[in-house]
Amino acid sequence: MQTLLLDPTTWDLVLDSSGNTAVASEPYALAQDAASACKTFQGEVYYNTTLGIPYWASILGKNPPLSYVKQQYVNAALTVPDVVSAAFFVSSFNNRTLSGQVQVTNSAGQTLGVNI
């Protein structure tokens, strides 16, 4: 599986050395896709509005427990094909900003994490 490579800081497309849009391959592609799933607002994916995290309904402007938010990240990561397990680790939570890492394991047993 391949996916478009995104800059980990800006989450924007990256160009390769030839000036073409860069592509990420396994196993990083799987972890990046899981992180993208965690950044997706529920209803944002027009062909399947059930995908994504219920940011508007349950998180933003609310005050949910951190355990609820972490579980939403795990649930979103598990929607990515070939992800058999996922975990979310919080690195900081201050001034209403949550940072952390989603770690996913594929069917081959490889585990990789991406910061979100």
PDB file of N, CA and C in Angstrom:
ATOM      1  N   MET A   1       0.842  -1.182   0.000  1.00  0.00           N
ATOM      2  CA  MET A   1       0.000   0.000   0.000  1.00  0.00           C
ATOM      3  C   MET A   1       0.883   1.240   0.000  1.00  0.00           C
ATOM      4  N   GLN A   2       0.489   2.238  -0.775  1.00  0.00           N
ATOM      5  CA  GLN A   2       1.189   3.507  -0.808  1.00  0.00           C
ATOM      6  C   GLN A   2       0.189   4.626  -0.563  1.00  0.00           C
ATOM      7  N   THR A   3       0.709   5.773  -0.140  1.00  0.00           N
ATOM      8  CA  THR A   3      -0.119   6.953   0.088  1.00  0.00           C
ATOM      9  C   THR A   3       0.720   8.176  -0.210  1.00  0.00           C
ATOM     10  N   LEU A   4       0.093   9.297  -0.426  1.00  0.00           N
ATOM     11  CA  LEU A   4       0.846  10.519  -0.648  1.00  0.00           C
ATOM     12  C   LEU A   4       1.590  10.885   0.630  1.00  0.00           C
ATOM     13  N   LEU A   5       2.858  11.222   0.509  1.00  0.00           N
ATOM     14  CA  LEU A   5       3.677  11.578   1.671  1.00  0.00           C
ATOM     15  C   LEU A   5       3.321  12.976   2.135  1.00  0.00           C
ATOM     16  N   LEU A   6       3.073  13.118   3.418  1.00  0.00           N
ATOM     17  CA  LEU A   6       2.745  14.405   4.011  1.00  0.00           C
ATOM     18  C   LEU A   6       3.872  14.850   4.930  1.00  0.00           C
ATOM     19  N   ASP A   7       4.161  16.147   4.915  1.00  0.00           N
ATOM     20  CA  ASP A   7       5.155  16.719   5.819  1.00  0.00           C
ATOM     21  C   ASP A   7       4.636  16.567   7.243  1.00  0.00           C
ATOM     22  N   PRO A   8       5.420  15.988   8.160  1.00  0.00           N
ATOM     23  CA  PRO A   8       4.914  15.745   9.515  1.00  0.00           C
ATOM     24  C   PRO A   8       4.636  17.021  10.316  1.00  0.00           C
ATOM     25  N   THR A   9       5.211  18.145   9.912  1.00  0.00           N
ATOM     26  CA  THR A   9       4.994  19.398  10.636  1.00  0.00           C
ATOM     27  C   THR A   9       3.778  20.152  10.119  1.00  0.00           C
ATOM     28  N   THR A  10       3.670  20.269   8.798  1.00  0.00           N
ATOM     29  CA  THR A  10       2.593  21.066   8.203  1.00  0.00           C
ATOM     30  C   THR A  10       1.430  20.228   7.703  1.00  0.00           C
ATOM     31  N   TRP A  11       1.619  18.932   7.582  1.00  0.00           N
ATOM     32  CA  TRP A  11       0.634  17.978   7.069  1.00  0.00           C
ATOM     33  C   TRP A  11       0.228  18.363   5.648  1.00  0.00           C
ATOM     34  N   ASP A  12       1.230  18.820   4.886  1.00  0.00           N
ATOM     35  CA  ASP A  12       1.027  19.206   3.499  1.00  0.00           C
ATOM     36  C   ASP A  12       1.807  18.253   2.603  1.00  0.00           C
ATOM     37  N   LEU A  13       1.486  18.235   1.320  1.00  0.00           N
ATOM     38  CA  LEU A  13       2.179  17.368   0.378  1.00  0.00           C
ATOM     39  C   LEU A  13       3.663  17.703   0.313  1.00  0.00           C
ATOM     40  N   VAL A  14       4.470  16.702  -0.015  1.00  0.00           N
ATOM     41  CA  VAL A  14       5.922  16.829  -0.122  1.00  0.00           C
ATOM     42  C   VAL A  14       6.316  16.456  -1.546  1.00  0.00           C
ATOM     43  N   LEU A  15       7.340  17.133  -2.067  1.00  0.00           N
ATOM     44  CA  LEU A  15       7.866  16.799  -3.384  1.00  0.00           C
ATOM     45  C   LEU A  15       9.107  15.944  -3.240  1.00  0.00           C
ATOM     46  N   ASP A  16       9.312  15.031  -4.203  1.00  0.00           N
ATOM     47  CA  ASP A  16      10.533  14.229  -4.192  1.00  0.00           C
ATOM     48  C   ASP A  16      11.650  15.004  -4.899  1.00  0.00           C
ATOM     49  N   SER A  17      12.801  14.389  -5.048  1.00  0.00           N
ATOM     50  CA  SER A  17      13.964  15.068  -5.619  1.00  0.00           C
ATOM     51  C   SER A  17      13.767  15.451  -7.086  1.00  0.00           C
ATOM     52  N   SER A  18      12.810  14.829  -7.765  1.00  0.00           N
ATOM     53  CA  SER A  18      12.515  15.150  -9.169  1.00  0.00           C
ATOM     54  C   SER A  18      11.415  16.193  -9.307  1.00  0.00           C
ATOM     55  N   GLY A  19      10.870  16.649  -8.200  1.00  0.00           N
ATOM     56  CA  GLY A  19       9.796  17.631  -8.242  1.00  0.00           C
ATOM     57  C   GLY A  19       8.413  17.033  -8.351  1.00  0.00           C
ATOM     58  N   ASN A  20       8.313  15.727  -8.249  1.00  0.00           N
ATOM     59  CA  ASN A  20       7.016  15.044  -8.286  1.00  0.00           C
ATOM     60  C   ASN A  20       6.452  14.914  -6.875  1.00  0.00           C
ATOM     61  N   THR A  21       5.172  14.700  -6.784  1.00  0.00           N
ATOM     62  CA  THR A  21       4.560  14.478  -5.483  1.00  0.00           C
ATOM     63  C   THR A  21       5.133  13.198  -4.885  1.00  0.00           C
ATOM     64  N   ALA A  22       5.663  13.297  -3.676  1.00  0.00           N
ATOM     65  CA  ALA A  22       6.299  12.157  -3.018  1.00  0.00           C
ATOM     66  C   ALA A  22       5.245  11.168  -2.529  1.00  0.00           C
ATOM     67  N   VAL A  23       5.646   9.906  -2.477  1.00  0.00           N
ATOM     68  CA  VAL A  23       4.769   8.820  -2.060  1.00  0.00           C
ATOM     69  C   VAL A  23       5.421   8.099  -0.879  1.00  0.00           C
ATOM     70  N   ALA A  24       4.612   7.752   0.096  1.00  0.00           N
ATOM     71  CA  ALA A  24       5.082   6.968   1.241  1.00  0.00           C
ATOM     72  C   ALA A  24       4.691   5.514   1.038  1.00  0.00           C
ATOM     73  N   SER A  25       5.569   4.606   1.435  1.00  0.00           N
ATOM     74  CA  SER A  25       5.312   3.171   1.332  1.00  0.00           C
ATOM     75  C   SER A  25       5.185   2.570   2.716  1.00  0.00           C
ATOM     76  N   GLU A  26       4.781   1.310   2.744  1.00  0.00           N
ATOM     77  CA  GLU A  26       4.681   0.570   4.008  1.00  0.00           C
ATOM     78  C   GLU A  26       6.041   0.495   4.682  1.00  0.00           C
ATOM     79  N   PRO A  27       6.121   0.492   5.984  1.00  0.00           N
ATOM     80  CA  PRO A  27       5.020   0.553   6.935  1.00  0.00           C
ATOM     81  C   PRO A  27       4.605   1.977   7.298  1.00  0.00           C
ATOM     82  N   TYR A  28       5.419   2.994   6.886  1.00  0.00           N
ATOM     83  CA  TYR A  28       5.098   4.373   7.254  1.00  0.00           C
ATOM     84  C   TYR A  28       3.750   4.812   6.703  1.00  0.00           C
ATOM     85  N   ALA A  29       3.399   4.371   5.495  1.00  0.00           N
ATOM     86  CA  ALA A  29       2.140   4.773   4.879  1.00  0.00           C
ATOM     87  C   ALA A  29       0.956   4.408   5.768  1.00  0.00           C
ATOM     88  N   LEU A  30       1.013   3.252   6.391  1.00  0.00           N
ATOM     89  CA  LEU A  30      -0.074   2.812   7.261  1.00  0.00           C
ATOM     90  C   LEU A  30      -0.204   3.733   8.473  1.00  0.00           C
ATOM     91  N   ALA A  31       0.930   4.069   9.082  1.00  0.00           N
ATOM     92  CA  ALA A  31       0.903   4.945  10.249  1.00  0.00           C
ATOM     93  C   ALA A  31       0.418   6.342   9.868  1.00  0.00           C
ATOM     94  N   GLN A  32       0.863   6.841   8.723  1.00  0.00           N
ATOM     95  CA  GLN A  32       0.422   8.168   8.283  1.00  0.00           C
ATOM     96  C   GLN A  32      -1.077   8.162   7.990  1.00  0.00           C
ATOM     97  N   ASP A  33      -1.575   7.111   7.368  1.00  0.00           N
ATOM     98  CA  ASP A  33      -3.012   7.018   7.098  1.00  0.00           C
ATOM     99  C   ASP A  33      -3.816   6.977   8.397  1.00  0.00           C
ATOM    100  N   ALA A  34      -3.286   6.307   9.412  1.00  0.00           N
ATOM    101  CA  ALA A  34      -3.963   6.269  10.708  1.00  0.00           C
ATOM    102  C   ALA A  34      -3.977   7.661  11.338  1.00  0.00           C
ATOM    103  N   ALA A  35      -2.869   8.380  11.236  1.00  0.00           N
ATOM    104  CA  ALA A  35      -2.823   9.743  11.764  1.00  0.00           C
ATOM    105  C   ALA A  35      -3.801  10.642  11.013  1.00  0.00           C
ATOM    106  N   SER A  36      -3.904  10.455   9.701  1.00  0.00           N
ATOM    107  CA  SER A  36      -4.870  11.228   8.913  1.00  0.00           C
ATOM    108  C   SER A  36      -6.299  10.924   9.360  1.00  0.00           C
ATOM    109  N   ALA A  37      -6.562   9.669   9.665  1.00  0.00           N
ATOM    110  CA  ALA A  37      -7.896   9.299  10.147  1.00  0.00           C
ATOM    111  C   ALA A  37      -8.205  10.002  11.467  1.00  0.00           C
ATOM    112  N   CYS A  38      -7.180  10.171  12.294  1.00  0.00           N
ATOM    113  CA  CYS A  38      -7.358  10.852  13.580  1.00  0.00           C
ATOM    114  C   CYS A  38      -7.576  12.354  13.408  1.00  0.00           C
ATOM    115  N   LYS A  39      -7.114  12.908  12.309  1.00  0.00           N
ATOM    116  CA  LYS A  39      -7.286  14.337  12.049  1.00  0.00           C
ATOM    117  C   LYS A  39      -8.581  14.637  11.284  1.00  0.00           C
ATOM    118  N   THR A  40      -9.316  13.605  10.920  1.00  0.00           N
ATOM    119  CA  THR A  40     -10.531  13.772  10.138  1.00  0.00           C
ATOM    120  C   THR A  40     -11.729  14.043  11.048  1.00  0.00           C
ATOM    121  N   PHE A  41     -12.465  15.094  10.730  1.00  0.00           N
ATOM    122  CA  PHE A  41     -13.692  15.411  11.456  1.00  0.00           C
ATOM    123  C   PHE A  41     -14.810  14.504  10.949  1.00  0.00           C
ATOM    124  N   GLN A  42     -15.620  14.006  11.863  1.00  0.00           N
ATOM    125  CA  GLN A  42     -16.743  13.161  11.460  1.00  0.00           C
ATOM    126  C   GLN A  42     -17.653  13.954  10.531  1.00  0.00           C
ATOM    127  N   GLY A  43     -18.007  13.349   9.397  1.00  0.00           N
ATOM    128  CA  GLY A  43     -18.824  14.004   8.403  1.00  0.00           C
ATOM    129  C   GLY A  43     -18.013  14.658   7.301  1.00  0.00           C
ATOM    130  N   GLU A  44     -16.701  14.767   7.470  1.00  0.00           N
ATOM    131  CA  GLU A  44     -15.835  15.424   6.493  1.00  0.00           C
ATOM    132  C   GLU A  44     -15.627  14.587   5.231  1.00  0.00           C
ATOM    133  N   VAL A  45     -15.624  13.271   5.372  1.00  0.00           N
ATOM    134  CA  VAL A  45     -15.424  12.385   4.227  1.00  0.00           C
ATOM    135  C   VAL A  45     -16.781  12.212   3.550  1.00  0.00           C
ATOM    136  N   TYR A  46     -16.945  12.857   2.395  1.00  0.00           N
ATOM    137  CA  TYR A  46     -18.271  12.937   1.781  1.00  0.00           C
ATOM    138  C   TYR A  46     -18.815  11.596   1.322  1.00  0.00           C
ATOM    139  N   TYR A  47     -17.947  10.627   1.023  1.00  0.00           N
ATOM    140  CA  TYR A  47     -18.444   9.328   0.575  1.00  0.00           C
ATOM    141  C   TYR A  47     -18.746   8.385   1.728  1.00  0.00           C
ATOM    142  N   ASN A  48     -18.358   8.753   2.954  1.00  0.00           N
ATOM    143  CA  ASN A  48     -18.698   7.971   4.142  1.00  0.00           C
ATOM    144  C   ASN A  48     -18.668   8.898   5.352  1.00  0.00           C
ATOM    145  N   THR A  49     -19.776   9.522   5.638  1.00  0.00           N
ATOM    146  CA  THR A  49     -19.830  10.531   6.691  1.00  0.00           C
ATOM    147  C   THR A  49     -19.739   9.952   8.106  1.00  0.00           C
ATOM    148  N   THR A  50     -19.681   8.630   8.237  1.00  0.00           N
ATOM    149  CA  THR A  50     -19.513   8.032   9.563  1.00  0.00           C
ATOM    150  C   THR A  50     -18.047   7.991   9.984  1.00  0.00           C
ATOM    151  N   LEU A  51     -17.121   8.170   9.020  1.00  0.00           N
ATOM    152  CA  LEU A  51     -15.698   8.163   9.346  1.00  0.00           C
ATOM    153  C   LEU A  51     -15.318   9.455  10.072  1.00  0.00           C
ATOM    154  N   GLY A  52     -14.253   9.378  10.856  1.00  0.00           N
ATOM    155  CA  GLY A  52     -13.745  10.559  11.536  1.00  0.00           C
ATOM    156  C   GLY A  52     -14.104  10.601  13.003  1.00  0.00           C
ATOM    157  N   ILE A  53     -13.584  11.619  13.645  1.00  0.00           N
ATOM    158  CA  ILE A  53     -13.780  11.812  15.081  1.00  0.00           C
ATOM    159  C   ILE A  53     -14.876  12.854  15.293  1.00  0.00           C
ATOM    160  N   PRO A  54     -15.782  12.623  16.243  1.00  0.00           N
ATOM    161  CA  PRO A  54     -16.890  13.571  16.458  1.00  0.00           C
ATOM    162  C   PRO A  54     -16.423  14.828  17.206  1.00  0.00           C
ATOM    163  N   TYR A  55     -15.497  15.550  16.571  1.00  0.00           N
ATOM    164  CA  TYR A  55     -14.961  16.757  17.210  1.00  0.00           C
ATOM    165  C   TYR A  55     -16.072  17.749  17.549  1.00  0.00           C
ATOM    166  N   TRP A  56     -16.935  18.069  16.569  1.00  0.00           N
ATOM    167  CA  TRP A  56     -17.984  19.069  16.805  1.00  0.00           C
ATOM    168  C   TRP A  56     -19.020  18.569  17.808  1.00  0.00           C
ATOM    169  N   ALA A  57     -19.400  17.330  17.717  1.00  0.00           N
ATOM    170  CA  ALA A  57     -20.476  16.803  18.568  1.00  0.00           C
ATOM    171  C   ALA A  57     -20.041  16.527  20.003  1.00  0.00           C
ATOM    172  N   SER A  58     -18.791  16.079  20.187  1.00  0.00           N
ATOM    173  CA  SER A  58     -18.427  15.567  21.513  1.00  0.00           C
ATOM    174  C   SER A  58     -17.149  16.119  22.121  1.00  0.00           C
ATOM    175  N   ILE A  59     -16.341  16.858  21.356  1.00  0.00           N
ATOM    176  CA  ILE A  59     -15.028  17.228  21.884  1.00  0.00           C
ATOM    177  C   ILE A  59     -14.838  18.743  21.954  1.00  0.00           C
ATOM    178  N   LEU A  60     -14.897  19.412  20.799  1.00  0.00           N
ATOM    179  CA  LEU A  60     -14.642  20.857  20.773  1.00  0.00           C
ATOM    180  C   LEU A  60     -15.757  21.614  21.488  1.00  0.00           C
ATOM    181  N   GLY A  61     -15.382  22.474  22.416  1.00  0.00           N
ATOM    182  CA  GLY A  61     -16.355  23.236  23.183  1.00  0.00           C
ATOM    183  C   GLY A  61     -17.015  22.450  24.297  1.00  0.00           C
ATOM    184  N   LYS A  62     -16.671  21.204  24.435  1.00  0.00           N
ATOM    185  CA  LYS A  62     -17.224  20.350  25.502  1.00  0.00           C
ATOM    186  C   LYS A  62     -16.140  20.247  26.581  1.00  0.00           C
ATOM    187  N   ASN A  63     -16.112  19.294  27.370  1.00  0.00           N
ATOM    188  CA  ASN A  63     -15.018  19.028  28.295  1.00  0.00           C
ATOM    189  C   ASN A  63     -14.975  17.534  28.567  1.00  0.00           C
ATOM    190  N   PRO A  64     -14.733  16.744  27.501  1.00  0.00           N
ATOM    191  CA  PRO A  64     -14.771  15.293  27.692  1.00  0.00           C
ATOM    192  C   PRO A  64     -13.541  14.813  28.463  1.00  0.00           C
ATOM    193  N   PRO A  65     -13.642  13.672  29.093  1.00  0.00           N
ATOM    194  CA  PRO A  65     -12.476  13.093  29.755  1.00  0.00           C
ATOM    195  C   PRO A  65     -11.409  12.750  28.717  1.00  0.00           C
ATOM    196  N   LEU A  66     -10.162  12.870  29.102  1.00  0.00           N
ATOM    197  CA  LEU A  66      -9.062  12.562  28.204  1.00  0.00           C
ATOM    198  C   LEU A  66      -9.141  11.120  27.715  1.00  0.00           C
ATOM    199  N   SER A  67      -9.621  10.222  28.543  1.00  0.00           N
ATOM    200  CA  SER A  67      -9.757   8.817  28.134  1.00  0.00           C
ATOM    201  C   SER A  67     -10.729   8.677  26.954  1.00  0.00           C
ATOM    202  N   TYR A  68     -11.776   9.483  26.928  1.00  0.00           N
ATOM    203  CA  TYR A  68     -12.736   9.456  25.815  1.00  0.00           C
ATOM    204  C   TYR A  68     -12.064   9.902  24.526  1.00  0.00           C
ATOM    205  N   VAL A  69     -11.297  10.987  24.596  1.00  0.00           N
ATOM    206  CA  VAL A  69     -10.608  11.517  23.420  1.00  0.00           C
ATOM    207  C   VAL A  69      -9.599  10.494  22.905  1.00  0.00           C
ATOM    208  N   LYS A  70      -8.831   9.902  23.806  1.00  0.00           N
ATOM    209  CA  LYS A  70      -7.857   8.883  23.400  1.00  0.00           C
ATOM    210  C   LYS A  70      -8.549   7.711  22.713  1.00  0.00           C
ATOM    211  N   GLN A  71      -9.684   7.284  23.225  1.00  0.00           N
ATOM    212  CA  GLN A  71     -10.418   6.163  22.619  1.00  0.00           C
ATOM    213  C   GLN A  71     -10.924   6.535  21.236  1.00  0.00           C
ATOM    214  N   GLN A  72     -11.321   7.788  21.034  1.00  0.00           N
ATOM    215  CA  GLN A  72     -11.761   8.229  19.710  1.00  0.00           C
ATOM    216  C   GLN A  72     -10.615   8.156  18.706  1.00  0.00           C
ATOM    217  N   TYR A  73      -9.404   8.529  19.137  1.00  0.00           N
ATOM    218  CA  TYR A  73      -8.228   8.411  18.265  1.00  0.00           C
ATOM    219  C   TYR A  73      -7.961   6.945  17.908  1.00  0.00           C
ATOM    220  N   VAL A  74      -8.041   6.078  18.881  1.00  0.00           N
ATOM    221  CA  VAL A  74      -7.826   4.647  18.626  1.00  0.00           C
ATOM    222  C   VAL A  74      -8.887   4.117  17.666  1.00  0.00           C
ATOM    223  N   ASN A  75     -10.147   4.470  17.902  1.00  0.00           N
ATOM    224  CA  ASN A  75     -11.229   4.011  17.019  1.00  0.00           C
ATOM    225  C   ASN A  75     -11.007   4.485  15.587  1.00  0.00           C
ATOM    226  N   ALA A  76     -10.573   5.726  15.417  1.00  0.00           N
ATOM    227  CA  ALA A  76     -10.329   6.262  14.073  1.00  0.00           C
ATOM    228  C   ALA A  76      -9.176   5.525  13.404  1.00  0.00           C
ATOM    229  N   ALA A  77      -8.107   5.267  14.143  1.00  0.00           N
ATOM    230  CA  ALA A  77      -6.952   4.554  13.579  1.00  0.00           C
ATOM    231  C   ALA A  77      -7.334   3.141  13.149  1.00  0.00           C
ATOM    232  N   LEU A  78      -8.220   2.522  13.875  1.00  0.00           N
ATOM    233  CA  LEU A  78      -8.635   1.149  13.554  1.00  0.00           C
ATOM    234  C   LEU A  78      -9.485   1.063  12.291  1.00  0.00           C
ATOM    235  N   THR A  79      -9.953   2.189  11.759  1.00  0.00           N
ATOM    236  CA  THR A  79     -10.715   2.160  10.514  1.00  0.00           C
ATOM    237  C   THR A  79      -9.819   2.023   9.291  1.00  0.00           C
ATOM    238  N   VAL A  80      -8.513   2.179   9.465  1.00  0.00           N
ATOM    239  CA  VAL A  80      -7.576   2.075   8.342  1.00  0.00           C
ATOM    240  C   VAL A  80      -7.340   0.595   8.036  1.00  0.00           C
ATOM    241  N   PRO A  81      -7.484   0.200   6.770  1.00  0.00           N
ATOM    242  CA  PRO A  81      -7.254  -1.203   6.412  1.00  0.00           C
ATOM    243  C   PRO A  81      -5.851  -1.668   6.802  1.00  0.00           C
ATOM    244  N   ASP A  82      -5.745  -2.874   7.310  1.00  0.00           N
ATOM    245  CA  ASP A  82      -4.522  -3.551   7.744  1.00  0.00           C
ATOM    246  C   ASP A  82      -4.038  -3.124   9.128  1.00  0.00           C
ATOM    247  N   VAL A  83      -4.723  -2.200   9.792  1.00  0.00           N
ATOM    248  CA  VAL A  83      -4.389  -1.868  11.176  1.00  0.00           C
ATOM    249  C   VAL A  83      -5.113  -2.872  12.066  1.00  0.00           C
ATOM    250  N   VAL A  84      -4.330  -3.646  12.832  1.00  0.00           N
ATOM    251  CA  VAL A  84      -4.956  -4.648  13.704  1.00  0.00           C
ATOM    252  C   VAL A  84      -5.039  -4.173  15.147  1.00  0.00           C
ATOM    253  N   SER A  85      -4.179  -3.220  15.525  1.00  0.00           N
ATOM    254  CA  SER A  85      -4.289  -2.622  16.855  1.00  0.00           C
ATOM    255  C   SER A  85      -3.727  -1.215  16.799  1.00  0.00           C
ATOM    256  N   ALA A  86      -4.185  -0.392  17.730  1.00  0.00           N
ATOM    257  CA  ALA A  86      -3.753   0.998  17.769  1.00  0.00           C
ATOM    258  C   ALA A  86      -3.724   1.483  19.210  1.00  0.00           C
ATOM    259  N   ALA A  87      -2.884   2.467  19.448  1.00  0.00           N
ATOM    260  CA  ALA A  87      -2.800   3.107  20.762  1.00  0.00           C
ATOM    261  C   ALA A  87      -2.494   4.581  20.538  1.00  0.00           C
ATOM    262  N   PHE A  88      -2.957   5.412  21.445  1.00  0.00           N
ATOM    263  CA  PHE A  88      -2.661   6.841  21.378  1.00  0.00           C
ATOM    264  C   PHE A  88      -1.992   7.252  22.673  1.00  0.00           C
ATOM    265  N   PHE A  89      -0.859   7.925  22.564  1.00  0.00           N
ATOM    266  CA  PHE A  89      -0.099   8.378  23.717  1.00  0.00           C
ATOM    267  C   PHE A  89      -0.050   9.894  23.725  1.00  0.00           C
ATOM    268  N   VAL A  90      -0.470  10.502  24.817  1.00  0.00           N
ATOM    269  CA  VAL A  90      -0.493  11.956  24.948  1.00  0.00           C
ATOM    270  C   VAL A  90       0.896  12.430  25.363  1.00  0.00           C
ATOM    271  N   SER A  91       1.440  13.389  24.610  1.00  0.00           N
ATOM    272  CA  SER A  91       2.734  13.969  24.987  1.00  0.00           C
ATOM    273  C   SER A  91       2.555  15.300  25.696  1.00  0.00           C
ATOM    274  N   SER A  92       1.497  16.043  25.364  1.00  0.00           N
ATOM    275  CA  SER A  92       1.198  17.273  26.093  1.00  0.00           C
ATOM    276  C   SER A  92      -0.270  17.628  25.922  1.00  0.00           C
ATOM    277  N   PHE A  93      -0.793  18.285  26.935  1.00  0.00           N
ATOM    278  CA  PHE A  93      -2.163  18.770  26.901  1.00  0.00           C
ATOM    279  C   PHE A  93      -2.197  20.049  27.716  1.00  0.00           C
ATOM    280  N   ASN A  94      -2.056  21.179  27.016  1.00  0.00           N
ATOM    281  CA  ASN A  94      -2.094  22.457  27.706  1.00  0.00           C
ATOM    282  C   ASN A  94      -2.712  23.511  26.799  1.00  0.00           C
ATOM    283  N   ASN A  95      -3.330  24.489  27.418  1.00  0.00           N
ATOM    284  CA  ASN A  95      -3.970  25.580  26.688  1.00  0.00           C
ATOM    285  C   ASN A  95      -4.896  25.054  25.582  1.00  0.00           C
ATOM    286  N   ARG A  96      -5.658  24.023  25.893  1.00  0.00           N
ATOM    287  CA  ARG A  96      -6.631  23.411  24.977  1.00  0.00           C
ATOM    288  C   ARG A  96      -5.991  22.783  23.747  1.00  0.00           C
ATOM    289  N   THR A  97      -4.697  22.491  23.818  1.00  0.00           N
ATOM    290  CA  THR A  97      -4.003  21.866  22.696  1.00  0.00           C
ATOM    291  C   THR A  97      -3.522  20.481  23.121  1.00  0.00           C
ATOM    292  N   LEU A  98      -3.907  19.479  22.360  1.00  0.00           N
ATOM    293  CA  LEU A  98      -3.519  18.099  22.639  1.00  0.00           C
ATOM    294  C   LEU A  98      -2.497  17.658  21.600  1.00  0.00           C
ATOM    295  N   SER A  99      -1.386  17.121  22.062  1.00  0.00           N
ATOM    296  CA  SER A  99      -0.367  16.566  21.174  1.00  0.00           C
ATOM    297  C   SER A  99      -0.084  15.149  21.618  1.00  0.00           C
ATOM    298  N   GLY A 100       0.278  14.331  20.659  1.00  0.00           N
ATOM    299  CA  GLY A 100       0.589  12.960  21.020  1.00  0.00           C
ATOM    300  C   GLY A 100       1.025  12.158  19.820  1.00  0.00           C
ATOM    301  N   GLN A 101       1.020  10.859  20.006  1.00  0.00           N
ATOM    302  CA  GLN A 101       1.443   9.950  18.955  1.00  0.00           C
ATOM    303  C   GLN A 101       0.454   8.804  18.860  1.00  0.00           C
ATOM    304  N   VAL A 102       0.073   8.499  17.612  1.00  0.00           N
ATOM    305  CA  VAL A 102      -0.739   7.320  17.370  1.00  0.00           C
ATOM    306  C   VAL A 102       0.221   6.229  16.913  1.00  0.00           C
ATOM    307  N   GLN A 103       0.123   5.073  17.556  1.00  0.00           N
ATOM    308  CA  GLN A 103       0.941   3.930  17.187  1.00  0.00           C
ATOM    309  C   GLN A 103       0.017   2.822  16.703  1.00  0.00           C
ATOM    310  N   VAL A 104       0.369   2.286  15.534  1.00  0.00           N
ATOM    311  CA  VAL A 104      -0.448   1.234  14.942  1.00  0.00           C
ATOM    312  C   VAL A 104       0.395  -0.005  14.678  1.00  0.00           C
ATOM    313  N   THR A 105      -0.263  -1.138  14.730  1.00  0.00           N
ATOM    314  CA  THR A 105       0.371  -2.415  14.410  1.00  0.00           C
ATOM    315  C   THR A 105      -0.390  -3.022  13.241  1.00  0.00           C
ATOM    316  N   ASN A 106       0.376  -3.498  12.250  1.00  0.00           N
ATOM    317  CA  ASN A 106      -0.257  -4.104  11.075  1.00  0.00           C
ATOM    318  C   ASN A 106      -0.370  -5.613  11.247  1.00  0.00           C
ATOM    319  N   SER A 107      -0.929  -6.279  10.253  1.00  0.00           N
ATOM    320  CA  SER A 107      -1.142  -7.722  10.338  1.00  0.00           C
ATOM    321  C   SER A 107       0.154  -8.511  10.340  1.00  0.00           C
ATOM    322  N   ALA A 108       1.271  -7.885   9.909  1.00  0.00           N
ATOM    323  CA  ALA A 108       2.581  -8.552   9.941  1.00  0.00           C
ATOM    324  C   ALA A 108       3.262  -8.372  11.294  1.00  0.00           C
ATOM    325  N   GLY A 109       2.642  -7.637  12.205  1.00  0.00           N
ATOM    326  CA  GLY A 109       3.222  -7.428  13.523  1.00  0.00           C
ATOM    327  C   GLY A 109       4.139  -6.225  13.632  1.00  0.00           C
ATOM    328  N   GLN A 110       4.252  -5.422  12.590  1.00  0.00           N
ATOM    329  CA  GLN A 110       5.090  -4.219  12.633  1.00  0.00           C
ATOM    330  C   GLN A 110       4.321  -3.099  13.336  1.00  0.00           C
ATOM    331  N   THR A 111       5.022  -2.383  14.232  1.00  0.00           N
ATOM    332  CA  THR A 111       4.426  -1.263  14.931  1.00  0.00           C
ATOM    333  C   THR A 111       5.186   0.006  14.590  1.00  0.00           C
ATOM    334  N   LEU A 112       4.454   1.051  14.275  1.00  0.00           N
ATOM    335  CA  LEU A 112       5.051   2.329  13.922  1.00  0.00           C
ATOM    336  C   LEU A 112       4.158   3.440  14.434  1.00  0.00           C
ATOM    337  N   GLY A 113       4.768   4.530  14.832  1.00  0.00           N
ATOM    338  CA  GLY A 113       3.997   5.655  15.339  1.00  0.00           C
ATOM    339  C   GLY A 113       4.232   6.921  14.553  1.00  0.00           C
ATOM    340  N   VAL A 114       3.238   7.791  14.575  1.00  0.00           N
ATOM    341  CA  VAL A 114       3.320   9.101  13.939  1.00  0.00           C
ATOM    342  C   VAL A 114       2.755  10.130  14.915  1.00  0.00           C
ATOM    343  N   ASN A 115       3.458  11.241  15.061  1.00  0.00           N
ATOM    344  CA  ASN A 115       2.986  12.315  15.922  1.00  0.00           C
ATOM    345  C   ASN A 115       1.819  13.040  15.293  1.00  0.00           C
ATOM    346  N   ILE A 116       0.853  13.383  16.129  1.00  0.00           N
ATOM    347  CA  ILE A 116      -0.276  14.181  15.647  1.00  0.00           C
ATOM    348  C   ILE A 116      -0.555  15.287  16.638  1.00  0.00           C
TER     349      ILE A 116
END
